[in-house]
Amino acid sequence: MAVEEEDQDTPDTQGDGGGSPSGGISIGVMTGGAAAAGHRASAEDRSRRAATTPPPYTGAAPPTGGPGGIGIGVMTGGAAAAGEGARAVDASAQLFAAPPELALAVRTLREHLGMLRRTPEIAELDAGLSELDEAMAGTGQVRRDRLQWLRDRLTLGATTAAGLASAAAVVETIVQLTG
């Protein structure tokens, strides 16, 4: 999602851009996304994050931005920028701690894939499982987009792997993890 100021060719005469140092942005609680203020400023949210419960709002007013702008009170992800030509981009990817059940389900599915006829789809799935297995073994974490990719291949794909009981176990574990 991209957010840009409406009239980017005309300087703002109200003091929030167009060369004046008045700044902008004062956010109270932000759980991701992107915000930008100022003449020709833009914000873009490319994040791949699960919806999370926002932190409790304390009722306190967000801090006021100084002369240059920005004053965020509580921010659990995202990006903010203020000033002429400012650009804020949030391209974060959510990481999950990989539970042992997922690692076991992935290894079992990889073993079962070895019994199937090797097709390009099976090869792609095996490579994705291998990458996931390596990430879990190396960091103990897994990216949400990789889990979604795997879930899609196993639920939407027309491969013979989708019919394996071990594939169903992987999908069930991913659903429990990601919601």
Protein backbone atom coordinates (compact mmCIF):
# COMPACT_ATOMS: atom_id res chain seq x y z
CA MET A 1 0.00 0.00 0.00
CA ALA A 2 1.44 3.39 -0.91
CA VAL A 3 0.40 6.66 0.63
CA GLU A 4 1.46 9.95 -0.88
CA GLU A 5 0.48 13.55 -0.32
CA GLU A 6 -2.34 14.67 -2.61
CA ASP A 7 -0.68 17.58 -4.41
CA GLN A 8 2.99 16.90 -4.84
CA ASP A 9 3.71 19.73 -7.26
CA THR A 10 2.44 22.60 -5.17
CA PRO A 11 4.24 23.50 -1.95
CA ASP A 12 2.06 23.32 1.12
CA THR A 13 1.24 26.74 2.52
CA GLN A 14 0.09 25.38 5.86
CA GLY A 15 3.55 24.65 7.21
CA ASP A 16 3.86 20.88 6.82
CA GLY A 17 6.13 20.83 3.80
CA GLY A 18 7.20 22.98 0.92
CA GLY A 19 10.54 23.93 2.40
CA SER A 20 9.45 24.96 5.87
CA PRO A 21 11.09 23.05 8.73
CA SER A 22 7.85 22.64 10.71
CA GLY A 23 7.72 18.85 10.32
CA GLY A 24 4.79 16.64 11.15
CA ILE A 25 3.74 13.16 12.36
CA SER A 26 2.76 12.52 15.93
CA ILE A 27 1.60 8.93 16.37
CA GLY A 28 0.33 7.31 19.52
CA VAL A 29 0.72 3.51 19.06
CA MET A 30 1.69 2.14 15.65
CA THR A 31 1.85 -1.60 15.06
CA GLY A 32 3.33 -1.53 11.59
CA GLY A 33 2.91 0.24 8.32
CA ALA A 34 4.50 3.45 7.15
CA ALA A 35 3.86 7.16 7.67
CA ALA A 36 5.40 10.21 6.02
CA ALA A 37 4.77 13.94 6.23
CA GLY A 38 6.12 16.83 4.22
CA HIS A 39 6.11 18.20 0.72
CA ARG A 40 6.55 15.33 -1.75
CA ALA A 41 6.83 12.85 1.10
CA SER A 42 5.67 9.27 0.58
CA ALA A 43 5.09 6.18 2.68
CA GLU A 44 4.90 2.57 1.55
CA ASP A 45 4.04 -0.56 3.51
CA ARG A 46 5.56 -3.71 1.98
CA SER A 47 5.64 -5.63 5.22
CA ARG A 48 4.64 -9.23 5.55
CA ARG A 49 3.51 -9.37 9.12
CA ALA A 50 0.66 -11.15 10.85
CA ALA A 51 -1.90 -8.90 12.45
CA THR A 52 -0.97 -8.46 16.06
CA THR A 53 -2.83 -7.11 18.99
CA PRO A 54 -1.76 -3.50 19.44
CA PRO A 55 -0.06 -2.59 22.67
CA PRO A 56 -2.43 -1.14 25.23
CA TYR A 57 -3.06 2.55 24.77
CA THR A 58 -2.17 4.38 27.95
CA GLY A 59 -4.27 7.42 27.15
CA ALA A 60 -1.21 9.64 27.14
CA ALA A 61 -0.83 11.98 24.22
CA PRO A 62 1.90 11.02 21.77
CA PRO A 63 5.01 13.13 22.07
CA THR A 64 5.06 16.22 19.92
CA GLY A 65 7.55 16.28 17.13
CA GLY A 66 10.28 18.86 17.42
CA PRO A 67 11.04 21.42 14.74
CA GLY A 68 11.94 18.68 12.25
CA GLY A 69 8.87 16.61 13.05
CA ILE A 70 8.10 13.05 14.21
CA GLY A 71 7.19 12.14 17.77
CA ILE A 72 6.04 8.53 18.04
CA GLY A 73 4.84 7.06 21.31
CA VAL A 74 5.01 3.20 21.09
CA MET A 75 5.89 1.66 17.73
CA THR A 76 6.19 -2.10 17.31
CA GLY A 77 7.15 -2.04 13.67
CA GLY A 78 6.91 0.16 10.63
CA ALA A 79 8.65 3.21 9.26
CA ALA A 80 8.21 6.95 9.60
CA ALA A 81 9.81 9.90 7.84
CA ALA A 82 9.19 13.64 7.89
CA GLY A 83 10.47 16.47 5.77
CA GLU A 84 10.55 17.54 2.18
CA GLY A 85 10.95 14.54 -0.12
CA ALA A 86 10.95 12.15 2.85
CA ARG A 87 10.29 8.50 2.12
CA ALA A 88 9.27 5.84 4.62
CA VAL A 89 9.23 2.18 3.58
CA ASP A 90 8.37 -0.72 5.86
CA ALA A 91 9.56 -3.95 4.24
CA SER A 92 9.81 -6.09 7.35
CA ALA A 93 9.13 -9.82 7.40
CA GLN A 94 7.76 -11.47 10.50
CA LEU A 95 9.82 -14.27 11.99
CA PHE A 96 8.39 -17.10 14.05
CA ALA A 97 10.22 -19.32 16.48
CA ALA A 98 10.14 -22.72 14.80
CA PRO A 99 8.54 -25.30 17.09
CA PRO A 100 10.01 -28.82 17.14
CA GLU A 101 6.71 -30.16 15.71
CA LEU A 102 7.24 -28.15 12.52
CA ALA A 103 10.81 -29.37 12.09
CA LEU A 104 9.68 -32.99 12.56
CA ALA A 105 6.73 -32.57 10.14
CA VAL A 106 9.00 -30.99 7.49
CA ARG A 107 11.58 -33.77 7.77
CA THR A 108 8.89 -36.45 7.55
CA LEU A 109 7.38 -34.83 4.46
CA ARG A 110 10.81 -34.63 2.82
CA GLU A 111 11.29 -38.36 3.43
CA HIS A 112 7.89 -39.10 1.89
CA LEU A 113 8.66 -36.91 -1.13
CA GLY A 114 11.61 -39.18 -1.85
CA MET A 115 9.15 -42.00 -2.53
CA LEU A 116 7.29 -40.04 -5.21
CA ARG A 117 8.13 -39.68 -8.88
CA ARG A 118 10.39 -36.63 -9.24
CA THR A 119 8.52 -33.89 -11.15
CA PRO A 120 9.41 -30.19 -11.40
CA GLU A 121 6.70 -29.42 -8.79
CA ILE A 122 8.05 -32.04 -6.39
CA ALA A 123 11.60 -30.73 -6.92
CA GLU A 124 10.45 -27.16 -6.18
CA LEU A 125 8.62 -28.31 -3.06
CA ASP A 126 11.62 -30.32 -1.85
CA ALA A 127 13.93 -27.34 -2.39
CA GLY A 128 11.56 -25.10 -0.40
CA LEU A 129 11.36 -27.68 2.39
CA SER A 130 15.15 -27.95 2.40
CA GLU A 131 15.49 -24.17 2.74
CA LEU A 132 12.96 -24.15 5.57
CA ASP A 133 14.70 -27.04 7.32
CA GLU A 134 18.08 -25.27 7.08
CA ALA A 135 16.63 -22.03 8.47
CA MET A 136 15.06 -23.85 11.42
CA ALA A 137 18.28 -25.75 12.15
CA GLY A 138 20.45 -22.63 11.79
CA THR A 139 18.46 -19.89 13.50
CA GLY A 140 15.52 -21.65 15.09
CA GLN A 141 13.29 -19.20 13.23
CA VAL A 142 11.25 -19.21 10.06
CA ARG A 143 9.87 -16.36 7.95
CA ARG A 144 6.12 -16.03 7.62
CA ASP A 145 6.30 -15.68 3.83
CA ARG A 146 8.13 -19.02 3.55
CA LEU A 147 5.48 -20.71 5.69
CA GLN A 148 2.76 -19.18 3.54
CA TRP A 149 4.52 -20.33 0.37
CA LEU A 150 4.71 -23.88 1.71
CA ARG A 151 1.11 -23.84 2.93
CA ASP A 152 -0.06 -22.63 -0.50
CA ARG A 153 1.88 -25.38 -2.30
CA LEU A 154 0.41 -28.04 -0.07
CA THR A 155 -3.19 -26.81 -0.04
CA LEU A 156 -3.61 -25.20 -3.44
CA GLY A 157 -1.11 -27.20 -5.44
CA ALA A 158 -2.13 -30.01 -7.71
CA THR A 159 0.89 -32.14 -6.85
CA THR A 160 0.72 -35.67 -5.53
CA ALA A 161 2.50 -34.37 -2.42
CA ALA A 162 -0.63 -32.48 -1.36
CA GLY A 163 -2.37 -35.83 -0.76
CA LEU A 164 0.26 -37.15 1.65
CA ALA A 165 -0.68 -37.39 5.32
CA SER A 166 2.69 -35.82 6.16
CA ALA A 167 1.74 -32.80 4.00
CA ALA A 168 -1.45 -32.40 6.03
CA ALA A 169 0.62 -32.50 9.22
CA VAL A 170 2.87 -29.70 7.91
CA VAL A 171 -0.13 -27.57 6.94
CA GLU A 172 -1.79 -28.14 10.32
CA THR A 173 1.38 -27.10 12.15
CA ILE A 174 1.72 -23.96 9.98
CA VAL A 175 -1.91 -23.02 10.64
CA GLN A 176 -1.40 -23.41 14.39
CA LEU A 177 1.72 -21.26 14.21
CA THR A 178 0.47 -18.47 11.96
CA GLY A 179 -3.25 -18.49 12.66
